[in-house]
Protein backbone atom coordinates (compact mmCIF):
# COMPACT_ATOMS: atom_id res chain seq x y z
CA UNK A 1 -12.70 -19.97 33.41
CA UNK A 2 -9.54 -19.58 34.78
CA UNK A 3 -6.96 -22.43 33.96
CA UNK A 4 -3.76 -19.90 34.83
CA UNK A 5 -0.98 -21.00 36.98
CA UNK A 6 -1.29 -18.60 39.54
CA UNK A 7 2.89 -18.99 40.05
CA UNK A 8 3.11 -17.80 35.97
CA UNK A 9 2.79 -14.18 34.81
CA UNK A 10 -0.73 -13.38 33.14
CA UNK A 11 -0.54 -15.82 29.89
CA UNK A 12 2.85 -17.24 30.25
CA UNK A 13 2.17 -20.88 28.67
CA UNK A 14 -1.12 -21.48 30.36
CA UNK A 15 -2.70 -22.04 26.50
CA UNK A 16 0.51 -24.13 25.39
CA UNK A 17 -1.10 -27.23 27.03
CA UNK A 18 -2.40 -29.40 23.50
CA UNK A 19 -5.67 -28.38 22.38
CA UNK A 20 -7.28 -31.60 23.19
CA UNK A 21 -7.23 -31.37 26.74
CA UNK A 22 -8.86 -27.86 27.01
CA UNK A 23 -12.46 -28.30 28.17
CA UNK A 24 -14.63 -25.70 26.36
CA UNK A 25 -15.99 -22.38 28.24
CA UNK A 26 -17.89 -19.48 27.43
CA UNK A 27 -15.82 -16.17 26.50
CA UNK A 28 -18.52 -13.52 26.33
CA UNK A 29 -21.50 -14.85 23.75
CA UNK A 30 -19.41 -17.28 22.46
CA UNK A 31 -18.62 -21.03 23.30
CA UNK A 32 -15.63 -21.70 22.80
CA UNK A 33 -14.06 -25.55 22.41
CA UNK A 34 -10.76 -25.99 21.90
CA UNK A 35 -10.44 -29.73 21.20
CA UNK A 36 -12.63 -29.15 18.15
CA UNK A 37 -11.35 -26.12 16.90
CA UNK A 38 -14.23 -24.75 16.89
CA UNK A 39 -16.11 -21.21 18.07
CA UNK A 40 -19.58 -21.30 18.56
CA UNK A 41 -21.80 -17.91 19.09
CA UNK A 42 -25.25 -16.00 17.80
CA UNK A 43 -24.83 -15.97 14.38
CA UNK A 44 -23.27 -19.58 14.10
CA UNK A 45 -20.17 -22.09 14.40
CA UNK A 46 -16.89 -21.61 12.52
CA UNK A 47 -13.43 -23.38 12.80
CA UNK A 48 -10.26 -21.76 13.15
CA UNK A 49 -7.17 -22.83 12.55
CA UNK A 50 -4.88 -24.52 15.57
CA UNK A 51 -2.87 -21.81 15.65
CA UNK A 52 -5.78 -19.14 15.70
CA UNK A 53 -7.66 -20.89 18.16
CA UNK A 54 -4.70 -20.76 20.71
CA UNK A 55 -3.96 -17.11 20.19
CA UNK A 56 -7.42 -17.02 21.58
CA UNK A 57 -6.82 -18.81 24.48
CA UNK A 58 -3.86 -17.17 25.29
CA UNK A 59 -5.78 -13.96 25.73
CA UNK A 60 -8.61 -15.60 27.54
CA UNK A 61 -6.30 -16.83 29.93
CA UNK A 62 -4.31 -13.62 30.46
CA UNK A 63 -8.09 -12.50 31.49
CA UNK A 64 -7.66 -8.80 30.08
CA UNK A 65 -4.20 -7.91 30.60
CA UNK A 66 -1.96 -7.30 27.29
CA UNK A 67 -0.42 -9.89 26.09
CA UNK A 68 3.03 -8.55 24.23
CA UNK A 69 4.01 -9.72 20.60
CA UNK A 70 6.83 -11.97 22.42
CA UNK A 71 4.58 -13.72 25.08
CA UNK A 72 2.44 -14.62 21.89
CA UNK A 73 5.24 -15.98 19.92
CA UNK A 74 6.63 -17.52 22.70
CA UNK A 75 3.25 -19.09 23.82
CA UNK A 76 1.80 -20.21 20.44
CA UNK A 77 4.40 -20.46 17.96
CA UNK A 78 6.52 -22.62 20.74
CA UNK A 79 9.22 -20.82 20.12
CA UNK A 80 9.42 -21.18 16.18
CA UNK A 81 11.23 -17.82 14.36
CA UNK A 82 8.57 -15.87 13.23
CA UNK A 83 7.78 -12.58 12.01
CA UNK A 84 5.09 -10.41 12.87
CA UNK A 85 3.12 -11.10 9.76
CA UNK A 86 2.44 -14.25 11.48
CA UNK A 87 1.19 -12.80 14.94
CA UNK A 88 -0.94 -10.06 12.44
CA UNK A 89 -2.11 -13.19 10.34
CA UNK A 90 -3.34 -14.90 13.19
CA UNK A 91 -5.18 -12.08 14.92
CA UNK A 92 -7.02 -11.01 12.01
CA UNK A 93 -7.95 -13.87 10.93
CA UNK A 94 -9.46 -14.48 14.99
CA UNK A 95 -10.91 -11.17 14.55
CA UNK A 96 -13.09 -12.50 11.51
CA UNK A 97 -13.82 -15.57 12.97
CA UNK A 98 -15.28 -13.19 16.10
CA UNK A 99 -17.30 -11.27 13.67
CA UNK A 100 -18.65 -14.60 11.86
CA UNK A 101 -20.29 -15.98 14.90
CA UNK A 102 -21.55 -13.13 16.19
CA UNK A 103 -19.66 -12.37 19.49
CA UNK A 104 -19.26 -9.92 21.49
CA UNK A 105 -15.92 -10.10 22.22
CA UNK A 106 -12.97 -7.99 20.86
CA UNK A 107 -9.48 -8.29 20.51
CA UNK A 108 -8.13 -4.45 21.27
CA UNK A 109 -4.54 -3.57 19.62
CA UNK A 110 -2.60 -1.89 21.97
CA UNK A 111 -0.02 0.12 20.44
CA UNK A 112 3.71 -1.01 20.39
CA UNK A 113 2.84 -3.05 23.49
CA UNK A 114 0.64 -6.47 22.21
CA UNK A 115 -2.91 -7.30 22.34
CA UNK A 116 -5.65 -8.23 24.81
CA UNK A 117 -9.21 -9.51 24.84
CA UNK A 118 -12.24 -7.25 26.17
CA UNK A 119 -15.68 -8.01 26.53
CA UNK A 120 -18.44 -5.44 24.57
CA UNK A 121 -20.75 -5.36 28.07
CA UNK A 122 -17.33 -4.59 29.83
CA UNK A 123 -16.64 -8.41 31.01
CA UNK A 124 -15.32 -11.63 29.53
CA UNK A 125 -17.31 -13.65 31.36
CA UNK A 126 -15.37 -16.95 31.04
CA UNK A 127 -17.01 -20.20 32.42
CA UNK A 128 -16.52 -23.87 32.07
CA UNK A 129 -19.27 -24.53 29.72
CA UNK A 130 -20.56 -27.57 32.13
CA UNK A 131 -21.30 -24.72 34.79
CA UNK A 132 -23.74 -23.11 32.63
CA UNK A 133 -25.72 -26.41 30.88
CA UNK A 134 -27.20 -27.69 34.09
CA UNK A 135 -29.92 -28.60 31.50
CA UNK A 136 -27.64 -31.09 29.83
CA UNK A 137 -27.24 -32.99 32.49
CA UNK A 138 -30.72 -35.42 32.21
CA UNK A 139 -29.71 -35.74 28.73
CA UNK A 140 -26.16 -37.27 30.69
CA UNK A 141 -27.64 -39.28 33.07
CA UNK A 142 -29.94 -41.18 30.12
CA UNK A 143 -26.75 -41.64 28.17
CA UNK A 144 -25.50 -43.81 30.70
CA UNK A 145 -28.44 -45.79 31.03
CA UNK A 146 -28.41 -46.54 27.85
CA UNK A 147 -25.25 -48.45 28.80
CA UNK A 148 -23.94 -50.41 25.22
CA UNK A 149 -26.41 -49.09 23.12
CA UNK A 150 -25.27 -45.76 24.21
CA UNK A 151 -21.19 -46.37 23.78
CA UNK A 152 -21.90 -47.94 20.52
CA UNK A 153 -23.94 -44.80 18.78
CA UNK A 154 -21.10 -42.20 20.66
CA UNK A 155 -18.16 -44.67 18.85
CA UNK A 156 -20.21 -43.96 15.86
CA UNK A 157 -20.49 -40.67 16.13
CA UNK A 158 -17.01 -40.11 17.31
CA UNK A 159 -15.80 -41.18 14.16
CA UNK A 160 -17.98 -38.88 12.28
CA UNK A 161 -16.58 -35.92 13.78
CA UNK A 162 -13.64 -37.09 13.16
CA UNK A 163 -13.92 -37.75 9.79
CA UNK A 164 -15.69 -34.24 9.56
CA UNK A 165 -12.78 -32.71 11.46
CA UNK A 166 -10.14 -34.13 9.63
CA UNK A 167 -11.94 -33.07 5.78
CA UNK A 168 -12.39 -29.88 7.73
CA UNK A 169 -8.50 -29.31 8.05
CA UNK A 170 -7.41 -30.80 4.63
CA UNK A 171 -9.88 -27.79 3.36
CA UNK A 172 -8.07 -25.62 5.45
CA UNK A 173 -5.22 -26.70 4.33
CA UNK A 174 -6.40 -26.80 0.48
CA UNK A 175 -7.65 -22.54 1.65
CA UNK A 176 -4.48 -21.73 3.10
CA UNK A 177 -2.34 -22.57 0.37
CA UNK A 178 -4.08 -20.69 -2.38
CA UNK A 179 -4.10 -17.88 -0.02
CA UNK A 180 -0.55 -18.16 -0.29
CA UNK A 181 -0.44 -18.89 -4.31
CA UNK A 182 -2.83 -15.98 -4.81
CA UNK A 183 -0.73 -13.50 -2.88
CA UNK A 184 2.25 -14.06 -4.93
CA UNK A 185 0.93 -12.15 -7.60
CA UNK A 186 2.13 -14.63 -10.68
CA UNK A 187 -0.76 -15.75 -13.27
CA UNK A 188 0.23 -19.52 -12.72
CA UNK A 189 0.12 -19.35 -9.33
CA UNK A 190 -3.16 -17.23 -9.77
CA UNK A 191 -4.48 -20.42 -11.70
CA UNK A 192 -3.00 -22.56 -9.37
CA UNK A 193 -5.09 -20.80 -6.50
CA UNK A 194 -8.18 -20.85 -8.83
CA UNK A 195 -7.99 -24.50 -9.18
CA UNK A 196 -7.73 -25.03 -5.20
CA UNK A 197 -10.84 -22.59 -4.00
CA UNK A 198 -12.79 -24.51 -6.70
CA UNK A 199 -11.23 -27.62 -5.25
CA UNK A 200 -12.29 -26.76 -2.05
CA UNK A 201 -16.01 -25.60 -2.78
CA UNK A 202 -16.73 -28.84 -5.04
CA UNK A 203 -15.77 -30.82 -1.24
CA UNK A 204 -18.07 -28.16 0.64
CA UNK A 205 -20.52 -26.10 -1.25
CA UNK A 206 -20.78 -23.95 2.21
CA UNK A 207 -17.96 -22.68 2.58
CA UNK A 208 -18.21 -18.73 2.18
CA UNK A 209 -14.45 -18.00 2.28
CA UNK A 210 -13.36 -20.22 -0.36
CA UNK A 211 -15.97 -19.23 -2.57
CA UNK A 212 -14.63 -15.03 -1.41
CA UNK A 213 -11.41 -15.74 -2.43
CA UNK A 214 -12.76 -17.40 -5.61
CA UNK A 215 -14.36 -14.64 -6.34
CA UNK A 216 -10.75 -12.53 -5.46
CA UNK A 217 -8.57 -15.00 -7.99
CA UNK A 218 -11.45 -15.82 -11.19
CA UNK A 219 -10.21 -14.07 -14.21
CA UNK A 220 -13.71 -14.17 -15.89
CA UNK A 221 -15.47 -11.21 -14.25
CA UNK A 222 -18.93 -13.45 -14.63
CA UNK A 223 -17.48 -15.93 -13.08
CA UNK A 224 -15.77 -14.08 -9.80
CA UNK A 225 -19.16 -12.24 -9.31
CA UNK A 226 -21.05 -15.52 -9.29
CA UNK A 227 -18.74 -16.99 -6.71
CA UNK A 228 -18.85 -13.85 -5.20
CA UNK A 229 -22.59 -13.49 -4.54
CA UNK A 230 -22.50 -17.11 -3.23
CA UNK A 231 -20.11 -16.48 -0.63
CA UNK A 232 -22.54 -13.25 0.33
CA UNK A 233 -25.46 -15.94 0.26
CA UNK A 234 -23.79 -17.86 2.59
CA UNK A 235 -22.04 -14.90 4.80
CA UNK A 236 -23.31 -11.48 3.82
CA UNK A 237 -19.62 -9.74 5.56
CA UNK A 238 -17.47 -12.14 3.54
CA UNK A 239 -14.27 -9.63 2.78
CA UNK A 240 -13.15 -10.48 -0.77
CA UNK A 241 -16.36 -10.91 -2.07
CA UNK A 242 -17.43 -7.60 -0.90
CA UNK A 243 -14.51 -6.35 -1.82
CA UNK A 244 -15.12 -7.70 -5.83
CA UNK A 245 -18.32 -6.08 -5.74
CA UNK A 246 -17.48 -2.95 -4.46
CA UNK A 247 -14.72 -3.14 -7.60
CA UNK A 248 -17.22 -4.57 -10.11
CA UNK A 249 -19.62 -1.53 -8.88
CA UNK A 250 -17.05 1.38 -8.95
CA UNK A 251 -18.43 3.15 -12.12
CA UNK A 252 -21.91 2.91 -10.90
CA UNK A 253 -21.84 4.46 -7.59
CA UNK A 254 -20.33 7.37 -6.31
CA UNK A 255 -16.42 7.10 -5.27
CA UNK A 256 -17.30 7.81 -1.70
CA UNK A 257 -19.63 4.82 -1.96
CA UNK A 258 -16.87 3.19 -2.89
CA UNK A 259 -14.36 4.19 -0.35
CA UNK A 260 -16.94 3.79 2.35
CA UNK A 261 -17.03 0.25 1.48
CA UNK A 262 -13.84 -0.76 1.48
CA UNK A 263 -13.28 0.88 4.37
CA UNK A 264 -16.03 -0.95 6.18
CA UNK A 265 -14.81 -4.02 4.99
CA UNK A 266 -11.19 -3.23 6.29
CA UNK A 267 -12.87 -2.24 10.08
CA UNK A 268 -14.58 -6.12 9.50
CA UNK A 269 -11.19 -8.00 8.41
CA UNK A 270 -8.52 -5.74 8.84
CA UNK A 271 -6.08 -7.73 6.81
CA UNK A 272 -8.46 -7.94 3.41
CA UNK A 273 -5.26 -7.73 1.16
CA UNK A 274 -7.47 -7.17 -1.98
CA UNK A 275 -9.74 -4.52 0.54
CA UNK A 276 -5.93 -2.66 0.71
CA UNK A 277 -5.34 -2.67 -2.58
CA UNK A 278 -7.91 -1.18 -3.54
CA UNK A 279 -8.07 1.96 -1.24
CA UNK A 280 -4.40 2.06 -2.35
CA UNK A 281 -4.89 2.57 -6.04
CA UNK A 282 -7.98 4.45 -4.09
CA UNK A 283 -6.72 6.79 -2.74
CA UNK A 284 -3.27 7.49 -5.17
CA UNK A 285 -6.31 8.80 -7.94
CA UNK A 286 -7.83 11.42 -5.33
CA UNK A 287 -4.35 12.40 -4.69
CA UNK A 288 -4.05 11.48 -1.08
CA UNK A 289 -0.84 10.16 -1.34
CA UNK A 290 -0.06 9.48 2.03
CA UNK A 291 -3.32 7.30 2.59
CA UNK A 292 -2.40 5.78 -0.17
CA UNK A 293 1.21 5.18 1.07
CA UNK A 294 -0.05 4.03 4.28
CA UNK A 295 -3.02 0.87 3.09
CA UNK A 296 -0.25 -0.10 0.49
CA UNK A 297 2.24 -0.79 4.02
CA UNK A 298 -0.41 -2.53 5.30
CA UNK A 299 -1.10 -4.92 2.20
CA UNK A 300 2.72 -5.36 2.52
CA UNK A 301 2.81 -6.72 5.36
CA UNK A 302 -0.14 -9.18 4.66
CA UNK A 303 1.44 -10.02 1.84
CA UNK A 304 4.99 -9.32 1.51
CA UNK A 305 5.80 -11.20 -1.55
CA UNK A 306 2.91 -9.63 -3.77
CA UNK A 307 4.82 -8.18 -6.87
CA UNK A 308 2.49 -5.39 -6.94
CA UNK A 309 2.54 -4.14 -3.89
CA UNK A 310 6.30 -4.00 -3.94
CA UNK A 311 5.83 -1.95 -7.36
CA UNK A 312 3.44 0.34 -5.80
CA UNK A 313 5.98 0.68 -3.08
CA UNK A 314 8.74 1.77 -5.46
CA UNK A 315 5.94 4.37 -6.89
CA UNK A 316 5.46 5.76 -3.64
CA UNK A 317 9.29 6.12 -2.77
CA UNK A 318 9.40 8.08 -6.22
CA UNK A 319 6.01 10.21 -5.30
CA UNK A 320 7.75 11.61 -2.26
CA UNK A 321 11.01 12.37 -3.74
CA UNK A 322 13.29 9.29 -2.69
CA UNK A 323 14.66 7.96 -5.67
CA UNK A 324 17.41 5.94 -3.91
CA UNK A 325 14.77 3.88 -2.59
CA UNK A 326 12.44 3.88 -5.18
CA UNK A 327 15.64 2.06 -7.13
CA UNK A 328 16.43 -0.53 -4.46
CA UNK A 329 12.90 -1.40 -4.17
CA UNK A 330 12.44 -1.92 -7.91
CA UNK A 331 15.36 -3.20 -8.97
CA UNK A 332 14.72 -5.77 -6.54
CA UNK A 333 11.53 -6.54 -7.54
CA UNK A 334 12.97 -6.95 -10.84
CA UNK A 335 15.67 -9.30 -10.08
CA UNK A 336 12.96 -11.38 -8.40
CA UNK A 337 9.88 -11.04 -10.27
CA UNK A 338 11.73 -10.21 -14.12
CA UNK A 339 8.83 -10.05 -16.57
CA UNK A 340 6.38 -9.17 -14.32
CA UNK A 341 4.26 -6.51 -15.55
CA UNK A 342 3.28 -4.14 -12.27
CA UNK A 343 7.13 -4.43 -11.79
CA UNK A 344 8.61 -3.80 -15.35
CA UNK A 345 6.13 -0.74 -15.38
CA UNK A 346 6.87 0.45 -12.44
CA UNK A 347 10.77 0.52 -12.80
CA UNK A 348 10.46 1.74 -16.81
CA UNK A 349 8.39 4.65 -15.49
CA UNK A 350 10.64 5.70 -12.47
CA UNK A 351 13.74 5.45 -14.96
CA UNK A 352 11.99 6.87 -18.34
CA UNK A 353 10.68 10.45 -16.07
CA UNK A 354 13.99 10.74 -14.07
CA UNK A 355 15.96 11.51 -16.76
CA UNK A 356 17.66 8.54 -17.42
CA UNK A 357 16.87 7.65 -20.89
CA UNK A 358 19.61 5.48 -20.97
CA UNK A 359 18.28 3.02 -18.33
CA UNK A 360 15.09 3.28 -19.41
CA UNK A 361 16.45 2.08 -22.81
CA UNK A 362 18.25 -1.00 -21.95
CA UNK A 363 15.35 -2.58 -19.71
CA UNK A 364 12.77 -2.01 -22.68
CA UNK A 365 15.11 -4.11 -25.19
CA UNK A 366 16.16 -6.76 -22.41
CA UNK A 367 13.55 -9.76 -23.63
CA UNK A 368 14.71 -11.29 -20.23
CA UNK A 369 13.03 -8.74 -18.18
CA UNK A 370 10.61 -6.99 -20.35
CA UNK A 371 6.90 -8.83 -20.09
CA UNK A 372 6.32 -10.90 -22.96
CA UNK A 373 3.11 -10.04 -23.96
CA UNK A 374 3.60 -6.35 -24.31
CA UNK A 375 2.64 -5.09 -27.44
CA UNK A 376 4.16 -3.64 -30.18
CA UNK A 377 2.85 -0.66 -30.42
CA UNK A 378 3.55 -0.10 -26.32
CA UNK A 379 7.14 -0.80 -27.56
CA UNK A 380 7.04 1.87 -30.45
CA UNK A 381 5.14 4.46 -27.86
CA UNK A 382 8.20 3.65 -25.35
CA UNK A 383 11.12 4.29 -27.56
CA UNK A 384 9.47 7.60 -29.04
CA UNK A 385 9.05 8.39 -25.06
CA UNK A 386 12.63 7.65 -24.13
CA UNK A 387 14.50 9.18 -27.57
CA UNK A 388 12.72 12.37 -27.02
CA UNK A 389 13.77 12.29 -23.13
CA UNK A 390 17.39 11.91 -24.13
CA UNK A 391 17.24 14.52 -26.87
CA UNK A 392 16.27 17.36 -24.35
CA UNK A 393 14.66 19.66 -27.56
CA UNK A 394 11.33 20.94 -28.38
CA UNK A 395 12.19 19.10 -32.16
CA UNK A 396 12.87 15.93 -30.15
CA UNK A 397 9.63 15.78 -28.15
CA UNK A 398 8.05 17.23 -31.13
CA UNK A 399 9.47 13.77 -33.22
CA UNK A 400 7.99 11.96 -30.68
CA UNK A 401 4.56 12.74 -30.86
CA UNK A 402 3.16 10.72 -33.85
CA UNK A 403 3.82 7.47 -31.80
CA UNK A 404 2.60 8.94 -28.48
CA UNK A 405 -0.41 10.16 -30.27
CA UNK A 406 -1.33 6.32 -32.03
CA UNK A 407 -0.72 5.17 -29.13
CA UNK A 408 -2.68 6.83 -26.74
CA UNK A 409 -6.10 5.98 -28.96
CA UNK A 410 -5.39 2.15 -28.07
CA UNK A 411 -5.55 1.36 -25.14
CA UNK A 412 -6.42 3.47 -20.94
CA UNK A 413 -2.91 2.70 -20.22
CA UNK A 414 -0.39 4.17 -23.67
CA UNK A 415 -2.68 6.96 -22.99
CA UNK A 416 -1.87 7.33 -19.19
CA UNK A 417 1.92 6.99 -20.60
CA UNK A 418 1.31 9.20 -23.73
CA UNK A 419 0.00 12.04 -21.06
CA UNK A 420 2.90 11.75 -18.48
CA UNK A 421 5.57 11.87 -21.35
CA UNK A 422 3.83 14.98 -22.45
CA UNK A 423 3.47 16.91 -19.33
CA UNK A 424 7.38 15.51 -18.32
CA UNK A 425 8.55 17.30 -21.84
CA UNK A 426 6.44 20.33 -20.87
CA UNK A 427 3.89 19.84 -24.06
CA UNK A 428 0.99 20.67 -21.72
CA UNK A 429 -1.34 21.08 -24.38
CA UNK A 430 -0.54 17.25 -25.68
CA UNK A 431 -0.90 16.30 -22.64
CA UNK A 432 -4.59 17.71 -22.04
CA UNK A 433 -5.77 16.70 -25.16
CA UNK A 434 -4.87 13.38 -24.00
CA UNK A 435 -5.99 13.62 -20.75
CA UNK A 436 -9.34 14.80 -21.86
CA UNK A 437 -9.96 11.66 -23.58
CA UNK A 438 -8.62 9.38 -21.73
CA UNK A 439 -10.99 10.55 -18.43
CA UNK A 440 -13.42 13.20 -19.31
CA UNK A 441 -14.15 10.90 -23.60
CA UNK A 442 -13.79 14.90 -25.22
CA UNK A 443 -11.85 15.89 -28.10
CA UNK A 444 -9.63 14.18 -30.42
CA UNK A 445 -8.30 11.18 -28.78
CA UNK A 446 -11.48 9.23 -27.49
CA UNK A 447 -9.94 6.26 -27.09
CA UNK A 448 -12.57 3.78 -29.06
CA UNK A 449 -10.76 0.58 -28.64
CA UNK A 450 -10.77 1.10 -24.59
CA UNK A 451 -8.45 -2.10 -24.64
CA UNK A 452 -9.87 -4.31 -26.72
CA UNK A 453 -7.55 -3.76 -30.05
CA UNK A 454 -3.73 -4.01 -27.55
CA UNK A 455 -4.08 -6.85 -25.58
CA UNK A 456 -1.07 -6.32 -23.03
CA UNK A 457 -0.03 -4.88 -20.02
CA UNK A 458 -1.61 -1.36 -20.92
CA UNK A 459 -5.44 -2.64 -21.67
CA UNK A 460 -6.68 -2.94 -18.44
CA UNK A 461 -9.31 -0.47 -17.20
CA UNK A 462 -7.86 0.09 -14.09
CA UNK A 463 -5.38 2.57 -16.16
CA UNK A 464 -8.26 4.24 -17.12
CA UNK A 465 -8.89 6.00 -13.54
CA UNK A 466 -6.50 8.84 -12.50
CA UNK A 467 -3.66 6.94 -10.26
CA UNK A 468 -0.92 8.57 -12.84
CA UNK A 469 -2.31 12.30 -11.90
CA UNK A 470 -0.65 12.69 -8.82
CA UNK A 471 2.70 11.48 -9.78
CA UNK A 472 6.24 13.77 -10.13
CA UNK A 473 5.86 13.37 -14.34
CA UNK A 474 2.34 14.96 -14.05
CA UNK A 475 3.81 18.21 -12.31
CA UNK A 476 3.58 20.29 -15.35
CA UNK A 477 0.12 19.38 -16.07
CA UNK A 478 -0.97 20.24 -12.23
CA UNK A 479 0.69 23.25 -12.47
CA UNK A 480 -1.82 24.56 -15.45
CA UNK A 481 -4.39 27.03 -14.81
CA UNK A 482 -6.97 24.22 -16.73
CA UNK A 483 -6.20 21.35 -14.20
CA UNK A 484 -8.93 22.42 -11.84
CA UNK A 485 -11.84 22.59 -14.37
CA UNK A 486 -10.21 19.06 -15.83
CA UNK A 487 -10.89 17.87 -11.85
CA UNK A 488 -14.20 19.70 -12.08
CA UNK A 489 -14.89 17.25 -15.20
CA UNK A 490 -13.66 14.09 -13.91
CA UNK A 491 -15.33 14.18 -10.41
CA UNK A 492 -13.00 14.97 -7.84
CA UNK A 493 -13.87 18.58 -6.59
CA UNK A 494 -17.36 16.76 -6.13
CA UNK A 495 -15.42 13.71 -3.55
CA UNK A 496 -13.31 16.45 -2.27
CA UNK A 497 -15.96 18.74 -1.13
CA UNK A 498 -18.05 15.39 -0.02
CA UNK A 499 -15.48 14.22 1.80
CA UNK A 500 -14.34 16.91 3.43
CA UNK A 501 -11.04 16.84 2.18
CA UNK A 502 -8.17 17.85 -0.14
CA UNK A 503 -5.14 16.36 -2.30
CA UNK A 504 -1.66 16.23 -0.33
CA UNK A 505 0.05 19.77 -0.62
CA UNK A 506 2.67 18.79 -2.87
CA UNK A 507 0.30 17.34 -5.80
CA UNK A 508 -2.30 20.36 -5.61
CA UNK A 509 -0.48 22.50 -8.39
CA UNK A 510 -2.95 25.11 -9.36
CA UNK A 511 -5.94 23.44 -7.82
CA UNK A 512 -8.27 26.18 -6.30
CA UNK A 513 -10.59 24.59 -4.14
């Protein structure tokens, strides 16, 4: 099919016609039905949002030519002022629909230029559906002969189809609203998103995408796993469900399997924020800080107002030595999300471990900005850490030891803070003592509670991983001759060898690989 006006440049304005006026057509091995917002392929049918279908039509009308972002904005957003994120989301969703339906077409990104459509068999083979459905002609003739009875049946069917499409649009709107709520990162918004996704799956239990989102936002692990499995039963490649399953298996599978699984998800669904966030944390924990930064920036492009992504951006600036940018991001995030645990933690760390104890002390005692569920043991440990940093003497560091050690046995996050603090203060033996207890369950400081005793932002098991090992505060820890042996016991050496990679040079310390 080619509805393009020969007097127009490829892709200009032709798909801006109302979707209801566009005829059905073949695109590769797919059938596109614009008026129904539907794509049909070998693996089934899927509905897309109007904007997503318009992007597909624009690319199809271009007949393999590259369309710039400006053309797509002009043609599919009717001149509305939107950011690159809108195009990224639309293209990402379109790619997902192609995968879901088993399409043999590909939306190719042409770096710094735009996008173009191509087929895996080297031709788009676009043609009207009617030209390829001669077998349906007898059905149409019989329908005409049926007269008024057929018209009545058609009218009833049309009404049913309209109601079905209307319901689908309403459910699509709920899913999109839930997606935006969960992207805000706030606990109350997450609860509202969970409620919306539950509403959708109750109305339509066959919606794999809604089950996947429900799995991503459920706070109960059993409920999350049930939702993820339901999504995968409906569609084995549903990205959020796969990311949830990958995360749950992290402690059972090796790190290479975990990484490969997440990268596979991203190849299928480049804008799966959950998988992008998991890769951000994973690569930081493996000392691959540059890769971690890259995936965090991709997560921000998808969810720019997620406080966790912005907190990690502030930490990345600190890790890469740009304290001014770290302060800028952290301060702005703290203004936008006062009391948010991720933001507060990033701000506290980047103040305390850059020699600014007065600012850290002010933040610690600011009830308006401090997370409401911060445990008193955590506050005491931070107080001791800040006072030791302010003292600048070995005696001051020693006086802080009891409170910091007491906290280190209570929860993974408090132990991670103690490792950073002892390393920053030059008490490397104490840092290794706590690191052994946290990461290898050896020595005097093994955590019997594992987060059950102290229920605050530091009690989550994710703190038991190794992201903190490769931040500037742990430079003394990494410089010590024991660092290679610690990495052997934690499994890092095996991972680096299996993947044929090394940690970034500026965080290798004394590593001998």
